[in-house]
Amino acid sequence: MRLNEVVDAVGYSSVTQLGRNFQKHFGMTPSEYIKKTYGPA
């Protein structure tokens, strides 16, 4: 699933808004979270 599809599915108005709230909650950006969780691509 692409990030813009996730944004629509969870009801955010923009990718930026999702990213800001994600960072406030998890203390890292979505990209940082993916790298930490799944390792480098």
C-alpha atoms as a PDB file:
ATOM      1  CA  MET A   1       0.000   0.000   0.000  1.00  0.00           C
ATOM      2  CA  ARG A   2       1.365   3.414  -0.928  1.00  0.00           C
ATOM      3  CA  LEU A   3       1.589   6.199   1.639  1.00  0.00           C
ATOM      4  CA  ASN A   4      -1.062   8.333  -0.056  1.00  0.00           C
ATOM      5  CA  GLU A   5      -3.433   5.353   0.106  1.00  0.00           C
ATOM      6  CA  VAL A   6      -2.759   5.033   3.836  1.00  0.00           C
ATOM      7  CA  VAL A   7      -3.438   8.758   4.277  1.00  0.00           C
ATOM      8  CA  ASP A   8      -6.818   8.380   2.591  1.00  0.00           C
ATOM      9  CA  ALA A   9      -7.658   5.170   4.468  1.00  0.00           C
ATOM     10  CA  VAL A  10      -7.051   6.664   7.916  1.00  0.00           C
ATOM     11  CA  GLY A  11      -8.657  10.018   7.161  1.00  0.00           C
ATOM     12  CA  TYR A  12      -5.736  12.462   7.123  1.00  0.00           C
ATOM     13  CA  SER A  13      -5.944  15.380   4.744  1.00  0.00           C
ATOM     14  CA  SER A  14      -2.301  15.154   3.634  1.00  0.00           C
ATOM     15  CA  VAL A  15       0.869  13.072   3.821  1.00  0.00           C
ATOM     16  CA  THR A  16       2.495  15.967   5.699  1.00  0.00           C
ATOM     17  CA  GLN A  17      -0.150  15.887   8.415  1.00  0.00           C
ATOM     18  CA  LEU A  18       0.258  12.132   8.842  1.00  0.00           C
ATOM     19  CA  GLY A  19       4.047  12.477   8.986  1.00  0.00           C
ATOM     20  CA  ARG A  20       3.919  15.158  11.671  1.00  0.00           C
ATOM     21  CA  ASN A  21       1.542  13.186  13.862  1.00  0.00           C
ATOM     22  CA  PHE A  22       3.505   9.983  13.309  1.00  0.00           C
ATOM     23  CA  GLN A  23       6.710  11.720  14.402  1.00  0.00           C
ATOM     24  CA  LYS A  24       5.037  13.155  17.517  1.00  0.00           C
ATOM     25  CA  HIS A  25       3.759   9.714  18.483  1.00  0.00           C
ATOM     26  CA  PHE A  26       6.751   7.531  17.593  1.00  0.00           C
ATOM     27  CA  GLY A  27       9.600  10.052  17.883  1.00  0.00           C
ATOM     28  CA  MET A  28      10.767   9.404  14.329  1.00  0.00           C
ATOM     29  CA  THR A  29       9.565   9.929  10.788  1.00  0.00           C
ATOM     30  CA  PRO A  30       7.760   7.145   8.926  1.00  0.00           C
ATOM     31  CA  SER A  31      10.908   6.646   6.797  1.00  0.00           C
ATOM     32  CA  GLU A  32      13.092   6.309   9.883  1.00  0.00           C
ATOM     33  CA  TYR A  33      10.621   3.847  11.380  1.00  0.00           C
ATOM     34  CA  ILE A  34      10.649   1.687   8.250  1.00  0.00           C
ATOM     35  CA  LYS A  35      14.468   1.634   8.146  1.00  0.00           C
ATOM     36  CA  LYS A  36      14.677   0.787  11.859  1.00  0.00           C
ATOM     37  CA  THR A  37      12.006  -1.893  11.661  1.00  0.00           C
ATOM     38  CA  TYR A  38      12.828  -3.508   8.323  1.00  0.00           C
ATOM     39  CA  GLY A  39      16.439  -2.479   7.731  1.00  0.00           C
ATOM     40  CA  PRO A  40      17.856  -0.705   4.699  1.00  0.00           C
ATOM     41  CA  ALA A  41      16.198  -1.357   1.367  1.00  0.00           C
END
